[in-house]
Amino acid sequence: MASIDELAATIRAGLDADEQVARSGGVPLEWHQGPVEDPQWETVEGVYWWPPEYTSYEEDRHWRGAEPVDEGAAAHMARHDPQRVLAEVASKRALLAEVIGWTHNAVTVDRKRYCCASEAGDPCDCGRDARVTAYLGLLAQPYTTEA
């Protein structure tokens, strides 16, 4: 099983790659599956974006995009537009930071404080590391088959 540090590195690398792809698409961040503000829209089997720049090609309001095999594929592509991917990356980064920030537990019994063994450099015995590893393993699944 991968360590906490290995899982965190896998997640960070995957999120960085997702962000890079979302930002380097060369198209606007928001994609749509028709109809979108166009009375002549005839199909929902495409994924389209309106170019941010004005050129003679766009003069007649043609949308640019992709034409997947069917409406279901178009819906899937439009649902995963770059804007959504960037929001998901930010959310997962915040969750990663939260989980890694979880602290080890200490208990007090009969006025004596007992610390997690990790405070003495031994393996964690309070369950924190197991919980963190489980959560990070779930977050890492899209980026590795090992987690």
N, C-alpha and C. Protein backbone atom coordinates (compact mmCIF):
# COMPACT_ATOMS: atom_id res chain seq x y z
N MET A 1 0.84 -1.18 0.00
CA MET A 1 0.00 0.00 0.00
C MET A 1 0.89 1.24 0.00
N ALA A 2 0.45 2.23 -0.69
CA ALA A 2 1.21 3.49 -0.80
C ALA A 2 1.16 4.26 0.52
N SER A 3 2.22 5.01 0.78
CA SER A 3 2.28 5.84 1.98
C SER A 3 1.44 7.11 1.79
N ILE A 4 1.22 7.82 2.87
CA ILE A 4 0.49 9.08 2.81
C ILE A 4 1.20 10.05 1.87
N ASP A 5 2.52 10.15 2.00
CA ASP A 5 3.29 11.07 1.14
C ASP A 5 3.18 10.67 -0.33
N GLU A 6 3.23 9.37 -0.62
CA GLU A 6 3.13 8.90 -2.00
C GLU A 6 1.73 9.18 -2.57
N LEU A 7 0.71 8.93 -1.76
CA LEU A 7 -0.65 9.20 -2.21
C LEU A 7 -0.86 10.69 -2.47
N ALA A 8 -0.37 11.52 -1.55
CA ALA A 8 -0.51 12.98 -1.71
C ALA A 8 0.22 13.45 -2.97
N ALA A 9 1.39 12.91 -3.23
CA ALA A 9 2.15 13.30 -4.43
C ALA A 9 1.40 12.86 -5.70
N THR A 10 0.80 11.67 -5.68
CA THR A 10 0.03 11.19 -6.82
C THR A 10 -1.16 12.10 -7.08
N ILE A 11 -1.86 12.47 -6.02
CA ILE A 11 -3.04 13.34 -6.15
C ILE A 11 -2.62 14.71 -6.68
N ARG A 12 -1.58 15.28 -6.11
CA ARG A 12 -1.12 16.61 -6.57
C ARG A 12 -0.72 16.58 -8.04
N ALA A 13 0.00 15.55 -8.45
CA ALA A 13 0.42 15.44 -9.85
C ALA A 13 -0.80 15.30 -10.77
N GLY A 14 -1.77 14.50 -10.36
CA GLY A 14 -2.98 14.33 -11.16
C GLY A 14 -3.77 15.62 -11.28
N LEU A 15 -3.90 16.34 -10.16
CA LEU A 15 -4.62 17.61 -10.17
C LEU A 15 -3.89 18.65 -11.02
N ASP A 16 -2.57 18.67 -10.92
CA ASP A 16 -1.79 19.60 -11.75
C ASP A 16 -2.00 19.30 -13.24
N ALA A 17 -2.01 18.01 -13.59
CA ALA A 17 -2.22 17.63 -14.99
C ALA A 17 -3.63 18.01 -15.45
N ASP A 18 -4.63 17.76 -14.59
CA ASP A 18 -6.00 18.14 -14.93
C ASP A 18 -6.11 19.64 -15.17
N GLU A 19 -5.49 20.42 -14.29
CA GLU A 19 -5.54 21.88 -14.43
C GLU A 19 -4.85 22.33 -15.71
N GLN A 20 -3.69 21.75 -15.99
CA GLN A 20 -2.94 22.15 -17.18
C GLN A 20 -3.75 21.87 -18.45
N VAL A 21 -4.37 20.71 -18.52
CA VAL A 21 -5.18 20.38 -19.69
C VAL A 21 -6.37 21.32 -19.79
N ALA A 22 -7.04 21.60 -18.68
CA ALA A 22 -8.21 22.48 -18.70
C ALA A 22 -7.86 23.89 -19.14
N ARG A 23 -6.67 24.35 -18.76
CA ARG A 23 -6.28 25.71 -19.11
C ARG A 23 -5.64 25.82 -20.49
N SER A 24 -5.22 24.70 -21.07
CA SER A 24 -4.50 24.77 -22.34
C SER A 24 -5.35 24.36 -23.53
N GLY A 25 -6.63 24.30 -23.37
CA GLY A 25 -7.50 23.83 -24.43
C GLY A 25 -7.59 24.76 -25.63
N GLY A 26 -7.25 26.02 -25.48
CA GLY A 26 -7.35 26.95 -26.59
C GLY A 26 -8.78 27.34 -26.92
N VAL A 27 -9.70 26.97 -26.05
CA VAL A 27 -11.11 27.32 -26.24
C VAL A 27 -11.62 27.94 -24.95
N PRO A 28 -12.76 28.61 -25.01
CA PRO A 28 -13.33 29.16 -23.78
C PRO A 28 -13.55 28.09 -22.73
N LEU A 29 -13.62 28.50 -21.48
CA LEU A 29 -13.74 27.55 -20.39
C LEU A 29 -15.13 26.93 -20.26
N GLU A 30 -16.14 27.54 -20.84
CA GLU A 30 -17.49 27.04 -20.67
C GLU A 30 -18.02 26.42 -21.95
N TRP A 31 -18.42 25.15 -21.86
CA TRP A 31 -18.94 24.45 -23.01
C TRP A 31 -20.44 24.22 -22.81
N HIS A 32 -21.15 24.04 -23.89
CA HIS A 32 -22.59 23.83 -23.82
C HIS A 32 -23.00 22.71 -24.74
N GLN A 33 -24.10 22.09 -24.37
CA GLN A 33 -24.76 21.14 -25.24
C GLN A 33 -26.07 21.81 -25.60
N GLY A 34 -26.32 22.09 -26.88
CA GLY A 34 -27.43 22.91 -27.31
C GLY A 34 -28.77 22.51 -26.71
N PRO A 35 -29.80 23.34 -26.87
CA PRO A 35 -29.76 24.66 -27.49
C PRO A 35 -29.31 25.74 -26.50
N VAL A 36 -28.53 26.68 -26.99
CA VAL A 36 -28.03 27.76 -26.16
C VAL A 36 -28.23 29.08 -26.89
N GLU A 37 -29.23 29.82 -26.51
CA GLU A 37 -29.46 31.18 -27.03
C GLU A 37 -29.38 31.26 -28.56
N ASP A 38 -29.79 30.21 -29.23
CA ASP A 38 -29.73 30.22 -30.69
C ASP A 38 -31.01 29.57 -31.21
N PRO A 39 -31.92 30.34 -31.78
CA PRO A 39 -33.20 29.78 -32.22
C PRO A 39 -33.06 28.77 -33.36
N GLN A 40 -31.92 28.74 -34.04
CA GLN A 40 -31.74 27.81 -35.15
C GLN A 40 -31.01 26.53 -34.73
N TRP A 41 -30.85 26.35 -33.42
CA TRP A 41 -30.16 25.16 -32.93
C TRP A 41 -30.99 23.94 -33.28
N GLU A 42 -30.38 22.92 -33.88
CA GLU A 42 -31.15 21.78 -34.35
C GLU A 42 -30.80 20.47 -33.65
N THR A 43 -29.70 20.41 -32.93
CA THR A 43 -29.29 19.13 -32.36
C THR A 43 -28.69 19.31 -30.98
N VAL A 44 -28.81 18.28 -30.18
CA VAL A 44 -28.15 18.25 -28.88
C VAL A 44 -27.04 17.20 -28.91
N GLU A 45 -26.64 16.79 -30.11
CA GLU A 45 -25.62 15.76 -30.24
C GLU A 45 -24.23 16.35 -30.40
N GLY A 46 -24.07 17.63 -30.11
CA GLY A 46 -22.76 18.27 -30.22
C GLY A 46 -22.39 18.98 -28.94
N VAL A 47 -21.14 19.31 -28.83
CA VAL A 47 -20.63 20.10 -27.72
C VAL A 47 -20.01 21.34 -28.33
N TYR A 48 -20.47 22.51 -27.91
CA TYR A 48 -20.10 23.72 -28.60
C TYR A 48 -19.64 24.82 -27.65
N TRP A 49 -18.81 25.68 -28.14
CA TRP A 49 -18.37 26.86 -27.40
C TRP A 49 -18.32 28.01 -28.38
N TRP A 50 -18.65 29.17 -27.88
CA TRP A 50 -18.61 30.37 -28.71
C TRP A 50 -17.22 30.97 -28.58
N PRO A 51 -16.54 31.18 -29.68
CA PRO A 51 -15.18 31.72 -29.59
C PRO A 51 -15.15 33.10 -28.92
N PRO A 52 -14.18 33.38 -28.10
CA PRO A 52 -14.12 34.68 -27.44
C PRO A 52 -13.71 35.79 -28.40
N GLU A 53 -13.06 35.44 -29.49
CA GLU A 53 -12.61 36.47 -30.44
C GLU A 53 -13.60 36.55 -31.60
N TYR A 54 -13.67 37.70 -32.20
CA TYR A 54 -14.57 37.90 -33.34
C TYR A 54 -13.77 37.78 -34.62
N THR A 55 -14.19 36.88 -35.48
CA THR A 55 -13.56 36.75 -36.79
C THR A 55 -14.67 36.65 -37.83
N SER A 56 -14.31 36.71 -39.07
CA SER A 56 -15.32 36.64 -40.12
C SER A 56 -16.06 35.31 -40.08
N TYR A 57 -15.39 34.25 -39.61
CA TYR A 57 -16.04 32.94 -39.52
C TYR A 57 -17.24 33.00 -38.58
N GLU A 58 -17.08 33.71 -37.46
CA GLU A 58 -18.15 33.78 -36.48
C GLU A 58 -19.20 34.82 -36.83
N GLU A 59 -18.99 35.55 -37.90
CA GLU A 59 -19.91 36.61 -38.24
C GLU A 59 -21.35 36.11 -38.38
N ASP A 60 -21.51 34.88 -38.89
CA ASP A 60 -22.87 34.36 -39.05
C ASP A 60 -23.28 33.48 -37.86
N ARG A 61 -22.65 33.67 -36.74
CA ARG A 61 -22.96 33.02 -35.46
C ARG A 61 -22.86 31.49 -35.52
N HIS A 62 -21.87 30.98 -36.20
CA HIS A 62 -21.62 29.55 -36.14
C HIS A 62 -20.90 29.24 -34.83
N TRP A 63 -21.31 28.19 -34.20
CA TRP A 63 -20.62 27.73 -33.00
C TRP A 63 -19.56 26.73 -33.45
N ARG A 64 -18.45 26.72 -32.74
CA ARG A 64 -17.43 25.72 -33.03
C ARG A 64 -17.52 24.65 -31.97
N GLY A 65 -17.11 23.45 -32.31
CA GLY A 65 -17.16 22.40 -31.31
C GLY A 65 -16.89 21.04 -31.88
N ALA A 66 -17.36 20.05 -31.16
CA ALA A 66 -17.15 18.65 -31.52
C ALA A 66 -18.51 17.99 -31.71
N GLU A 67 -18.54 16.96 -32.52
CA GLU A 67 -19.78 16.22 -32.73
C GLU A 67 -19.55 14.77 -32.33
N PRO A 68 -19.82 14.44 -31.06
CA PRO A 68 -19.66 13.07 -30.59
C PRO A 68 -20.66 12.13 -31.26
N VAL A 69 -20.56 10.87 -30.94
CA VAL A 69 -21.38 9.85 -31.57
C VAL A 69 -22.87 10.03 -31.29
N ASP A 70 -23.22 10.39 -30.06
CA ASP A 70 -24.64 10.50 -29.72
C ASP A 70 -24.86 11.57 -28.66
N GLU A 71 -26.13 11.77 -28.33
CA GLU A 71 -26.50 12.79 -27.36
C GLU A 71 -25.90 12.53 -25.99
N GLY A 72 -25.82 11.27 -25.58
CA GLY A 72 -25.25 10.93 -24.28
C GLY A 72 -23.77 11.31 -24.19
N ALA A 73 -23.03 11.03 -25.27
CA ALA A 73 -21.61 11.40 -25.29
C ALA A 73 -21.45 12.92 -25.27
N ALA A 74 -22.32 13.62 -25.97
CA ALA A 74 -22.26 15.08 -25.98
C ALA A 74 -22.54 15.64 -24.59
N ALA A 75 -23.53 15.08 -23.91
CA ALA A 75 -23.86 15.53 -22.56
C ALA A 75 -22.69 15.31 -21.62
N HIS A 76 -22.04 14.16 -21.75
CA HIS A 76 -20.89 13.86 -20.90
C HIS A 76 -19.76 14.86 -21.14
N MET A 77 -19.45 15.14 -22.40
CA MET A 77 -18.38 16.08 -22.71
C MET A 77 -18.70 17.48 -22.20
N ALA A 78 -19.92 17.93 -22.45
CA ALA A 78 -20.29 19.28 -22.02
C ALA A 78 -20.26 19.40 -20.51
N ARG A 79 -20.61 18.35 -19.82
CA ARG A 79 -20.64 18.36 -18.34
C ARG A 79 -19.23 18.47 -17.77
N HIS A 80 -18.22 18.08 -18.52
CA HIS A 80 -16.84 18.11 -18.05
C HIS A 80 -16.04 19.21 -18.75
N ASP A 81 -16.67 20.36 -18.89
CA ASP A 81 -15.99 21.48 -19.54
C ASP A 81 -14.84 21.99 -18.66
N PRO A 82 -13.91 22.74 -19.23
CA PRO A 82 -12.74 23.19 -18.47
C PRO A 82 -13.10 23.97 -17.20
N GLN A 83 -14.15 24.76 -17.23
CA GLN A 83 -14.54 25.53 -16.05
C GLN A 83 -14.90 24.60 -14.89
N ARG A 84 -15.63 23.54 -15.18
CA ARG A 84 -15.98 22.58 -14.13
C ARG A 84 -14.74 21.84 -13.64
N VAL A 85 -13.86 21.46 -14.55
CA VAL A 85 -12.64 20.76 -14.15
C VAL A 85 -11.82 21.63 -13.20
N LEU A 86 -11.70 22.91 -13.49
CA LEU A 86 -10.93 23.81 -12.62
C LEU A 86 -11.58 23.94 -11.25
N ALA A 87 -12.89 23.99 -11.19
CA ALA A 87 -13.59 24.05 -9.90
C ALA A 87 -13.38 22.75 -9.12
N GLU A 88 -13.40 21.63 -9.81
CA GLU A 88 -13.19 20.34 -9.16
C GLU A 88 -11.75 20.22 -8.65
N VAL A 89 -10.79 20.70 -9.42
CA VAL A 89 -9.39 20.69 -8.98
C VAL A 89 -9.23 21.52 -7.71
N ALA A 90 -9.81 22.70 -7.67
CA ALA A 90 -9.70 23.56 -6.48
C ALA A 90 -10.34 22.88 -5.27
N SER A 91 -11.48 22.27 -5.46
CA SER A 91 -12.17 21.57 -4.37
C SER A 91 -11.33 20.41 -3.84
N LYS A 92 -10.77 19.63 -4.74
CA LYS A 92 -9.96 18.48 -4.32
C LYS A 92 -8.67 18.92 -3.64
N ARG A 93 -8.09 20.02 -4.08
CA ARG A 93 -6.89 20.53 -3.40
C ARG A 93 -7.22 20.96 -1.97
N ALA A 94 -8.37 21.60 -1.78
CA ALA A 94 -8.79 22.01 -0.44
C ALA A 94 -9.05 20.79 0.44
N LEU A 95 -9.69 19.77 -0.12
CA LEU A 95 -9.95 18.54 0.63
C LEU A 95 -8.64 17.84 0.99
N LEU A 96 -7.70 17.80 0.07
CA LEU A 96 -6.39 17.21 0.33
C LEU A 96 -5.70 17.91 1.50
N ALA A 97 -5.70 19.23 1.48
CA ALA A 97 -5.07 19.99 2.57
C ALA A 97 -5.77 19.72 3.90
N GLU A 98 -7.08 19.66 3.87
CA GLU A 98 -7.85 19.39 5.10
C GLU A 98 -7.49 18.03 5.69
N VAL A 99 -7.49 17.00 4.85
CA VAL A 99 -7.23 15.64 5.32
C VAL A 99 -5.80 15.50 5.83
N ILE A 100 -4.84 16.05 5.10
CA ILE A 100 -3.44 15.96 5.54
C ILE A 100 -3.24 16.72 6.86
N GLY A 101 -4.06 17.73 7.11
CA GLY A 101 -3.96 18.51 8.34
C GLY A 101 -4.56 17.87 9.58
N TRP A 102 -5.24 16.74 9.39
CA TRP A 102 -5.81 16.07 10.56
C TRP A 102 -4.69 15.73 11.55
N THR A 103 -4.96 15.90 12.83
CA THR A 103 -3.94 15.67 13.86
C THR A 103 -4.11 14.29 14.50
N HIS A 104 -3.05 13.85 15.13
CA HIS A 104 -3.09 12.60 15.89
C HIS A 104 -3.83 12.85 17.20
N ASN A 105 -4.43 11.80 17.73
CA ASN A 105 -5.21 11.90 18.96
C ASN A 105 -4.35 11.62 20.19
N ALA A 106 -4.73 12.23 21.26
CA ALA A 106 -4.16 11.92 22.57
C ALA A 106 -5.33 11.76 23.52
N VAL A 107 -5.19 10.87 24.47
CA VAL A 107 -6.27 10.65 25.44
C VAL A 107 -5.74 10.85 26.84
N THR A 108 -6.63 11.16 27.76
CA THR A 108 -6.28 11.29 29.17
C THR A 108 -7.07 10.26 29.96
N VAL A 109 -6.36 9.45 30.70
CA VAL A 109 -6.98 8.42 31.54
C VAL A 109 -6.43 8.60 32.94
N ASP A 110 -7.32 8.75 33.92
CA ASP A 110 -6.91 8.95 35.31
C ASP A 110 -5.88 10.06 35.43
N ARG A 111 -6.17 11.17 34.78
CA ARG A 111 -5.33 12.38 34.80
C ARG A 111 -3.96 12.19 34.16
N LYS A 112 -3.75 11.10 33.48
CA LYS A 112 -2.48 10.89 32.79
C LYS A 112 -2.74 10.96 31.29
N ARG A 113 -1.92 11.74 30.58
CA ARG A 113 -2.09 11.94 29.15
C ARG A 113 -1.31 10.87 28.40
N TYR A 114 -2.01 10.20 27.50
CA TYR A 114 -1.40 9.19 26.65
C TYR A 114 -1.44 9.72 25.22
N CYS A 115 -0.29 9.81 24.61
CA CYS A 115 -0.19 10.35 23.25
C CYS A 115 -0.18 9.22 22.25
N CYS A 116 -0.51 9.58 21.04
CA CYS A 116 -0.36 8.64 19.94
C CYS A 116 1.12 8.29 19.85
N ALA A 117 1.41 7.05 19.54
CA ALA A 117 2.80 6.60 19.46
C ALA A 117 3.61 7.38 18.42
N SER A 118 2.92 8.02 17.47
CA SER A 118 3.64 8.76 16.44
C SER A 118 4.42 9.93 17.03
N GLU A 119 3.99 10.44 18.19
CA GLU A 119 4.70 11.54 18.84
C GLU A 119 6.09 11.12 19.30
N ALA A 120 6.27 9.81 19.49
CA ALA A 120 7.58 9.29 19.90
C ALA A 120 8.34 8.71 18.71
N GLY A 121 7.81 8.91 17.50
CA GLY A 121 8.48 8.40 16.31
C GLY A 121 8.08 6.99 15.93
N ASP A 122 7.15 6.41 16.66
CA ASP A 122 6.67 5.07 16.35
C ASP A 122 5.46 5.14 15.41
N PRO A 123 5.06 4.00 14.86
CA PRO A 123 3.88 4.01 13.99
C PRO A 123 2.64 4.51 14.74
N CYS A 124 1.80 5.19 14.03
CA CYS A 124 0.57 5.75 14.59
C CYS A 124 -0.29 4.63 15.18
N ASP A 125 -0.79 4.87 16.39
CA ASP A 125 -1.69 3.89 16.99
C ASP A 125 -3.05 4.50 17.36
N CYS A 126 -3.29 5.72 16.89
CA CYS A 126 -4.57 6.37 17.22
C CYS A 126 -5.57 6.29 16.06
N GLY A 127 -5.16 5.78 14.92
CA GLY A 127 -6.06 5.64 13.79
C GLY A 127 -6.01 6.78 12.78
N ARG A 128 -5.32 7.86 13.11
CA ARG A 128 -5.27 9.01 12.21
C ARG A 128 -4.65 8.63 10.87
N ASP A 129 -3.50 7.96 10.90
CA ASP A 129 -2.83 7.62 9.64
C ASP A 129 -3.66 6.68 8.79
N ALA A 130 -4.37 5.75 9.42
CA ALA A 130 -5.24 4.84 8.67
C ALA A 130 -6.38 5.61 8.01
N ARG A 131 -6.97 6.57 8.74
CA ARG A 131 -8.06 7.38 8.17
C ARG A 131 -7.55 8.24 7.01
N VAL A 132 -6.40 8.87 7.20
CA VAL A 132 -5.84 9.72 6.14
C VAL A 132 -5.52 8.88 4.91
N THR A 133 -4.91 7.73 5.12
CA THR A 133 -4.56 6.85 4.00
C THR A 133 -5.82 6.41 3.25
N ALA A 134 -6.88 6.09 3.98
CA ALA A 134 -8.13 5.66 3.34
C ALA A 134 -8.72 6.79 2.49
N TYR A 135 -8.79 7.99 3.05
CA TYR A 135 -9.34 9.13 2.30
C TYR A 135 -8.48 9.47 1.08
N LEU A 136 -7.17 9.51 1.27
CA LEU A 136 -6.29 9.84 0.15
C LEU A 136 -6.32 8.75 -0.92
N GLY A 137 -6.47 7.51 -0.49
CA GLY A 137 -6.61 6.42 -1.45
C GLY A 137 -7.82 6.63 -2.36
N LEU A 138 -8.91 7.12 -1.79
CA LEU A 138 -10.10 7.40 -2.59
C LEU A 138 -9.85 8.56 -3.55
N LEU A 139 -9.21 9.62 -3.06
CA LEU A 139 -8.92 10.76 -3.93
C LEU A 139 -7.93 10.40 -5.03
N ALA A 140 -7.04 9.45 -4.76
CA ALA A 140 -6.01 9.08 -5.74
C ALA A 140 -6.52 8.11 -6.81
N GLN A 141 -7.66 7.47 -6.59
CA GLN A 141 -8.14 6.45 -7.52
C GLN A 141 -8.18 6.88 -8.98
N PRO A 142 -8.63 8.10 -9.30
CA PRO A 142 -8.64 8.47 -10.72
C PRO A 142 -7.25 8.58 -11.34
N TYR A 143 -6.24 8.68 -10.52
CA TYR A 143 -4.89 8.94 -11.03
C TYR A 143 -3.97 7.71 -10.95
N THR A 144 -4.44 6.64 -10.37
CA THR A 144 -3.62 5.44 -10.25
C THR A 144 -4.51 4.22 -10.07
N THR A 145 -4.05 3.08 -10.53
CA THR A 145 -4.80 1.85 -10.30
C THR A 145 -4.35 1.20 -9.01
N GLU A 146 -3.26 1.71 -8.41
CA GLU A 146 -2.72 1.12 -7.19
C GLU A 146 -3.53 1.49 -5.96
N ALA A 147 -4.10 2.72 -5.95
CA ALA A 147 -4.80 3.19 -4.74
C ALA A 147 -6.12 2.49 -4.55
